[in-house]
């Protein structure tokens, strides 16, 4: 199996989807001639033409509105919002239309659209281009929410999202685009709603999302030298969420750390913690659940301050030491 970047995996999934289904088309700002804000659609307009890879005006509400309408008539639009922050402009179309239509039409209408967007910090892009807002859409019944952490998952989950008959919010972390992973050349899908055990362990379960998965794996490598065995669970999809895999891991380790980049206050980490707290397992935990998340501040543009605003590998190692004090790193 060859190794490619996360960005290339996204590009391949879009290419294959366009080739395999005439109902699939792409639309978004600068996705055609320019190839997308981060290069995910590079070469696709040249290959499939301007009707299937459409550059749009700078209007997220219009992009989402076109996607909802075309999806209802049988098309499978994949929209790109250059930064996840811009979803705020399209919230009416996504939250009040896309998410509700199947229910309000008694199942007679579907809205099979995918919203792709670049999320998260790490590029010094400032407070309006560096947020992690996936928890917003995870709160809305009717939307599926996907957050792949590596190239293999990105390609497989994007294929699954495009084939799904529901609106899917697909969050790609900017810093993951250049990461490299082993990815099959052929088309494949990963089932939506199935978590992945990225690393097996017996002492502590770390449930991490997005960019935090790689940081959790790095922290696990560090503490392994001191005899601590870490299990890393990547939900991959926030909605639907794989409760079984999460609770099975917690039952084994009896210690939990939850790591997300999004602001900790009212974040998805609280949802994960409550699932454990409301289960029978809570009485058997050997330590309190630890949540790591972003500081309650707008994301700084200054690079050093930006790193202080979100959990780092060192933050996870400190959390491990908090749960197992005898660890001396």
Protein backbone atom coordinates (compact mmCIF):
# COMPACT_ATOMS: atom_id res chain seq x y z
CA UNK A 1 0.00 0.00 0.00
CA UNK A 2 1.44 3.38 -1.05
CA UNK A 3 1.77 6.39 1.28
CA UNK A 4 0.14 9.71 0.37
CA UNK A 5 -0.80 12.92 2.12
CA UNK A 6 -4.14 13.55 3.80
CA UNK A 7 -4.73 16.25 1.17
CA UNK A 8 -4.10 13.81 -1.68
CA UNK A 9 -6.48 11.32 -0.07
CA UNK A 10 -9.25 13.94 -0.08
CA UNK A 11 -8.49 14.80 -3.71
CA UNK A 12 -8.58 11.14 -4.72
CA UNK A 13 -11.92 10.55 -3.00
CA UNK A 14 -13.45 13.53 -4.81
CA UNK A 15 -11.95 12.41 -8.13
CA UNK A 16 -13.29 8.88 -7.75
CA UNK A 17 -16.74 10.10 -6.66
CA UNK A 18 -17.00 12.39 -9.69
CA UNK A 19 -15.93 9.56 -11.99
CA UNK A 20 -18.30 6.99 -10.51
CA UNK A 21 -21.51 9.01 -10.09
CA UNK A 22 -22.78 11.62 -12.56
CA UNK A 23 -24.96 13.11 -9.79
CA UNK A 24 -21.91 14.21 -7.79
CA UNK A 25 -20.71 17.76 -8.35
CA UNK A 26 -18.52 20.19 -6.39
CA UNK A 27 -19.09 23.84 -5.63
CA UNK A 28 -17.29 26.42 -3.56
CA UNK A 29 -15.04 29.45 -3.57
CA UNK A 30 -11.91 29.07 -5.71
CA UNK A 31 -12.27 25.30 -6.06
CA UNK A 32 -11.95 25.38 -9.86
CA UNK A 33 -9.09 27.22 -11.52
CA UNK A 34 -7.31 27.80 -8.22
CA UNK A 35 -7.85 24.23 -6.99
CA UNK A 36 -9.27 25.09 -3.58
CA UNK A 37 -8.00 27.18 -0.70
CA UNK A 38 -5.75 24.32 0.43
CA UNK A 39 -5.46 22.49 -2.90
CA UNK A 40 -7.97 19.70 -2.28
CA UNK A 41 -9.67 20.12 -5.68
CA UNK A 42 -6.50 20.62 -7.70
CA UNK A 43 -6.94 19.43 -11.30
CA UNK A 44 -10.59 18.42 -10.96
CA UNK A 45 -12.17 21.24 -12.94
CA UNK A 46 -9.76 20.61 -15.79
CA UNK A 47 -10.76 16.94 -15.74
CA UNK A 48 -14.53 17.21 -15.23
CA UNK A 49 -15.41 20.67 -16.49
CA UNK A 50 -16.88 23.85 -15.02
CA UNK A 51 -20.40 22.43 -14.60
CA UNK A 52 -19.30 19.69 -12.21
CA UNK A 53 -16.56 21.64 -10.41
CA UNK A 54 -18.13 25.06 -9.96
CA UNK A 55 -16.49 28.21 -8.69
CA UNK A 56 -19.00 30.27 -6.73
CA UNK A 57 -19.34 33.84 -5.50
CA UNK A 58 -18.12 34.62 -1.98
CA UNK A 59 -21.44 33.75 -0.37
CA UNK A 60 -21.56 30.74 1.95
CA UNK A 61 -25.32 31.07 2.34
CA UNK A 62 -25.76 30.87 -1.44
CA UNK A 63 -23.40 27.89 -1.72
CA UNK A 64 -25.29 25.98 0.97
CA UNK A 65 -28.66 27.01 -0.47
CA UNK A 66 -27.77 25.71 -3.93
CA UNK A 67 -26.55 22.48 -2.34
CA UNK A 68 -29.80 21.94 -0.41
CA UNK A 69 -31.98 22.57 -3.45
CA UNK A 70 -29.95 20.42 -5.82
CA UNK A 71 -29.70 17.59 -3.28
CA UNK A 72 -33.49 17.53 -2.94
CA UNK A 73 -33.79 17.01 -6.71
CA UNK A 74 -31.46 13.99 -6.74
CA UNK A 75 -27.99 15.49 -7.09
CA UNK A 76 -25.13 14.83 -4.63
CA UNK A 77 -23.40 18.18 -4.09
CA UNK A 78 -20.11 18.44 -2.21
CA UNK A 79 -19.55 21.99 -1.05
CA UNK A 80 -16.28 23.44 0.20
CA UNK A 81 -16.30 26.23 2.76
CA UNK A 82 -12.69 27.41 2.86
CA UNK A 83 -12.63 27.76 6.65
CA UNK A 84 -14.97 26.13 9.14
CA UNK A 85 -15.53 29.55 10.73
CA UNK A 86 -17.54 30.52 7.65
CA UNK A 87 -20.20 27.93 8.44
CA UNK A 88 -21.76 30.67 10.57
CA UNK A 89 -22.87 32.42 7.37
CA UNK A 90 -24.56 29.23 6.10
CA UNK A 91 -26.21 28.14 9.34
CA UNK A 92 -29.79 28.79 8.25
CA UNK A 93 -29.46 26.62 5.15
CA UNK A 94 -27.63 23.82 6.97
CA UNK A 95 -29.39 23.86 10.34
CA UNK A 96 -32.93 24.92 9.46
CA UNK A 97 -33.17 23.41 5.97
CA UNK A 98 -30.74 20.56 5.26
CA UNK A 99 -31.05 19.02 8.71
CA UNK A 100 -34.85 19.27 8.93
CA UNK A 101 -36.25 18.53 5.47
CA UNK A 102 -36.21 14.71 5.65
CA UNK A 103 -38.13 14.84 8.94
CA UNK A 104 -40.56 17.57 7.94
CA UNK A 105 -41.42 15.83 4.65
CA UNK A 106 -42.08 12.52 6.47
CA UNK A 107 -39.09 10.86 4.82
CA UNK A 108 -40.23 11.64 1.27
CA UNK A 109 -37.31 13.99 0.61
CA UNK A 110 -33.58 13.48 1.18
CA UNK A 111 -30.75 16.00 1.29
CA UNK A 112 -27.59 14.05 0.37
CA UNK A 113 -25.06 16.87 0.56
CA UNK A 114 -21.57 16.99 2.00
CA UNK A 115 -20.04 20.13 3.49
CA UNK A 116 -16.24 19.92 3.48
CA UNK A 117 -14.35 22.52 5.45
CA UNK A 118 -10.87 23.21 6.85
CA UNK A 119 -10.92 23.58 10.62
CA UNK A 120 -8.64 24.25 13.54
CA UNK A 121 -5.58 26.24 14.48
CA UNK A 122 -1.86 25.98 13.82
CA UNK A 123 -1.43 28.36 10.88
CA UNK A 124 -1.56 31.71 12.67
CA UNK A 125 -4.67 32.63 10.73
CA UNK A 126 -6.33 34.45 13.62
CA UNK A 127 -9.61 34.29 15.48
CA UNK A 128 -11.90 34.27 12.43
CA UNK A 129 -10.08 31.49 10.54
CA UNK A 130 -8.90 29.06 13.24
CA UNK A 131 -11.92 27.89 15.20
CA UNK A 132 -13.10 24.32 15.81
CA UNK A 133 -16.87 24.54 15.55
CA UNK A 134 -17.75 20.89 14.94
CA UNK A 135 -19.63 20.80 18.24
CA UNK A 136 -22.14 23.31 16.81
CA UNK A 137 -23.25 20.97 14.04
CA UNK A 138 -23.03 17.89 16.28
CA UNK A 139 -25.78 19.52 18.36
CA UNK A 140 -28.24 19.53 15.44
CA UNK A 141 -30.50 16.49 14.88
CA UNK A 142 -30.43 15.55 11.20
CA UNK A 143 -26.77 16.31 10.53
CA UNK A 144 -24.00 13.73 10.51
CA UNK A 145 -20.59 14.99 11.62
CA UNK A 146 -17.27 13.45 10.57
CA UNK A 147 -13.77 14.40 11.75
CA UNK A 148 -11.07 12.14 10.21
CA UNK A 149 -7.64 12.19 11.82
CA UNK A 150 -5.50 10.52 9.14
CA UNK A 151 -5.28 10.04 5.38
CA UNK A 152 -6.79 6.53 5.36
CA UNK A 153 -9.85 7.64 7.28
CA UNK A 154 -10.16 10.84 5.24
CA UNK A 155 -10.53 9.01 1.93
CA UNK A 156 -12.77 6.21 3.20
CA UNK A 157 -15.06 8.43 5.23
CA UNK A 158 -15.41 11.02 2.45
CA UNK A 159 -16.58 8.28 0.10
CA UNK A 160 -19.10 7.14 2.72
CA UNK A 161 -20.27 10.71 3.27
CA UNK A 162 -20.89 11.33 -0.44
CA UNK A 163 -22.90 8.09 -0.73
CA UNK A 164 -24.97 8.86 2.38
CA UNK A 165 -28.52 10.14 1.90
CA UNK A 166 -28.20 12.57 4.81
CA UNK A 167 -26.41 15.93 5.04
CA UNK A 168 -22.88 15.34 6.32
CA UNK A 169 -20.53 17.91 7.87
CA UNK A 170 -16.94 16.88 7.08
CA UNK A 171 -14.21 18.62 9.10
CA UNK A 172 -10.59 18.48 7.90
CA UNK A 173 -7.91 19.90 10.18
CA UNK A 174 -5.50 22.23 8.35
CA UNK A 175 -2.39 20.76 9.98
CA UNK A 176 -3.35 17.26 8.86
CA UNK A 177 -3.28 18.09 5.14
CA UNK A 178 0.48 17.52 4.89
CA UNK A 179 0.57 14.41 7.08
CA UNK A 180 1.26 11.12 5.32
CA UNK A 181 -0.51 7.79 5.71
CA UNK A 182 -0.95 4.46 3.97
CA UNK A 183 -3.94 4.59 1.65
CA UNK A 184 -5.21 2.05 -0.92
CA UNK A 185 -5.24 3.17 -4.55
CA UNK A 186 -8.72 1.78 -5.11
CA UNK A 187 -11.96 3.36 -3.93
CA UNK A 188 -13.21 2.24 -0.50
CA UNK A 189 -15.66 3.37 2.18
CA UNK A 190 -15.42 3.36 5.96
CA UNK A 191 -18.77 2.94 7.76
CA UNK A 192 -20.02 6.14 9.36
CA UNK A 193 -20.51 5.77 13.10
CA UNK A 194 -17.70 3.31 13.83
CA UNK A 195 -14.84 4.44 16.08
CA UNK A 196 -11.28 3.23 15.60
CA UNK A 197 -8.81 1.97 18.19
CA UNK A 198 -5.67 3.75 17.04
CA UNK A 199 -3.56 2.17 19.78
CA UNK A 200 -4.34 -0.64 22.24
CA UNK A 201 -3.47 -0.29 25.92
CA UNK A 202 -4.57 -1.29 29.40
CA UNK A 203 -3.94 1.59 31.84
CA UNK A 204 -5.70 4.70 30.45
CA UNK A 205 -8.16 5.36 27.64
CA UNK A 206 -7.58 8.59 25.72
CA UNK A 207 -10.55 9.57 23.59
CA UNK A 208 -9.22 12.09 21.09
CA UNK A 209 -10.73 13.84 18.08
CA UNK A 210 -9.16 15.32 14.96
CA UNK A 211 -5.62 16.65 15.39
CA UNK A 212 -5.62 15.49 19.01
CA UNK A 213 -5.41 11.86 17.91
CA UNK A 214 -1.82 12.23 16.68
CA UNK A 215 -0.93 14.19 19.82
CA UNK A 216 -2.43 11.46 22.00
CA UNK A 217 -0.43 8.82 20.13
CA UNK A 218 2.77 10.81 20.63
CA UNK A 219 2.04 11.20 24.35
CA UNK A 220 1.38 7.45 24.56
CA UNK A 221 4.82 6.75 23.09
CA UNK A 222 6.44 9.01 25.69
CA UNK A 223 4.82 7.45 28.76
CA UNK A 224 5.21 3.90 27.46
CA UNK A 225 8.90 4.20 28.35
CA UNK A 226 7.79 4.59 31.96
CA UNK A 227 5.55 1.53 31.96
CA UNK A 228 2.20 3.19 31.24
CA UNK A 229 0.04 1.55 28.58
CA UNK A 230 -2.31 3.95 26.76
CA UNK A 231 -5.29 3.07 24.59
CA UNK A 232 -6.22 5.75 22.05
CA UNK A 233 -9.78 5.83 20.71
CA UNK A 234 -10.68 7.99 17.71
CA UNK A 235 -14.47 8.38 17.37
CA UNK A 236 -13.96 9.48 13.74
CA UNK A 237 -17.61 10.45 13.59
CA UNK A 238 -19.14 12.64 16.27
CA UNK A 239 -22.62 11.95 14.93
CA UNK A 240 -23.50 9.11 14.96
CA UNK A 241 -21.20 8.31 17.88
CA UNK A 242 -19.89 4.80 18.58
CA UNK A 243 -20.75 4.42 22.28
CA UNK A 244 -19.89 0.72 22.36
CA UNK A 245 -16.22 1.04 21.40
CA UNK A 246 -15.73 3.93 23.83
CA UNK A 247 -17.38 2.20 26.79
CA UNK A 248 -15.65 -1.12 26.09
CA UNK A 249 -12.29 0.61 26.28
CA UNK A 250 -13.19 2.48 29.47
CA UNK A 251 -14.39 -0.75 31.06
CA UNK A 252 -10.93 -2.23 30.40
CA UNK A 253 -8.72 0.67 31.53
CA UNK A 254 -10.98 2.31 34.17
CA UNK A 255 -9.24 5.64 33.57
CA UNK A 256 -10.19 8.26 30.96
CA UNK A 257 -8.71 11.36 29.34
CA UNK A 258 -10.70 13.25 26.70
CA UNK A 259 -8.80 15.53 24.33
CA UNK A 260 -10.32 17.94 21.79
CA UNK A 261 -8.97 21.12 20.23
CA UNK A 262 -12.33 22.89 20.38
CA UNK A 263 -12.98 25.20 23.32
CA UNK A 264 -13.46 23.07 26.43
CA UNK A 265 -16.45 25.04 27.72
CA UNK A 266 -19.67 23.43 26.43
CA UNK A 267 -17.56 21.34 24.05
CA UNK A 268 -17.94 17.81 22.69
CA UNK A 269 -15.60 16.55 25.40
CA UNK A 270 -18.40 17.14 27.88
CA UNK A 271 -20.70 14.92 25.81
CA UNK A 272 -18.11 12.14 25.84
CA UNK A 273 -17.60 12.54 29.58
CA UNK A 274 -21.35 12.42 30.27
CA UNK A 275 -21.76 9.19 28.30
CA UNK A 276 -19.24 7.57 30.62
CA UNK A 277 -20.58 9.27 33.75
CA UNK A 278 -24.13 8.14 33.00
CA UNK A 279 -23.08 4.53 32.42
CA UNK A 280 -22.63 1.81 35.03
CA UNK A 281 -18.88 2.07 34.50
CA UNK A 282 -18.61 5.31 36.43
CA UNK A 283 -18.67 3.48 39.77
CA UNK A 284 -15.61 1.45 38.77
CA UNK A 285 -13.39 4.29 37.57
CA UNK A 286 -10.06 4.49 39.37
CA UNK A 287 -9.71 8.24 38.79
CA UNK A 288 -11.90 11.20 37.81
CA UNK A 289 -12.46 11.79 34.10
CA UNK A 290 -10.03 14.41 32.77
CA UNK A 291 -11.08 16.76 29.95
CA UNK A 292 -8.59 18.69 27.82
CA UNK A 293 -9.78 21.37 25.42
CA UNK A 294 -9.10 24.82 24.07
CA UNK A 295 -8.96 27.84 26.33
CA UNK A 296 -12.05 30.06 26.46
CA UNK A 297 -10.45 32.77 24.32
CA UNK A 298 -10.60 33.81 20.65
CA UNK A 299 -7.76 32.04 18.84
CA UNK A 300 -4.62 34.25 18.85
CA UNK A 301 -2.83 34.94 15.58
CA UNK A 302 0.58 35.00 17.28
CA UNK A 303 2.00 31.49 16.89
CA UNK A 304 3.28 30.99 20.46
CA UNK A 305 0.06 32.24 22.01
CA UNK A 306 -1.85 29.98 19.62
CA UNK A 307 -0.08 26.92 21.03
CA UNK A 308 -0.96 28.02 24.56
CA UNK A 309 -4.64 28.23 23.61
CA UNK A 310 -5.03 24.54 22.76
CA UNK A 311 -3.84 21.24 24.29
CA UNK A 312 -0.41 20.02 23.21
CA UNK A 313 1.40 16.70 23.65
CA UNK A 314 2.80 18.02 26.93
CA UNK A 315 -0.74 18.76 28.14
CA UNK A 316 -1.73 15.13 27.57
CA UNK A 317 1.41 13.83 29.32
CA UNK A 318 0.60 16.06 32.32
CA UNK A 319 -2.95 14.68 32.38
CA UNK A 320 -1.57 11.14 32.41
CA UNK A 321 0.67 12.05 35.35
CA UNK A 322 -2.37 13.54 37.10
CA UNK A 323 -4.21 10.22 36.80
CA UNK A 324 -1.20 8.03 37.59
CA UNK A 325 1.00 10.17 39.88
CA UNK A 326 3.81 7.61 39.99
CA UNK A 327 4.66 8.38 36.37
CA UNK A 328 7.85 10.44 36.37
CA UNK A 329 8.42 11.88 32.92
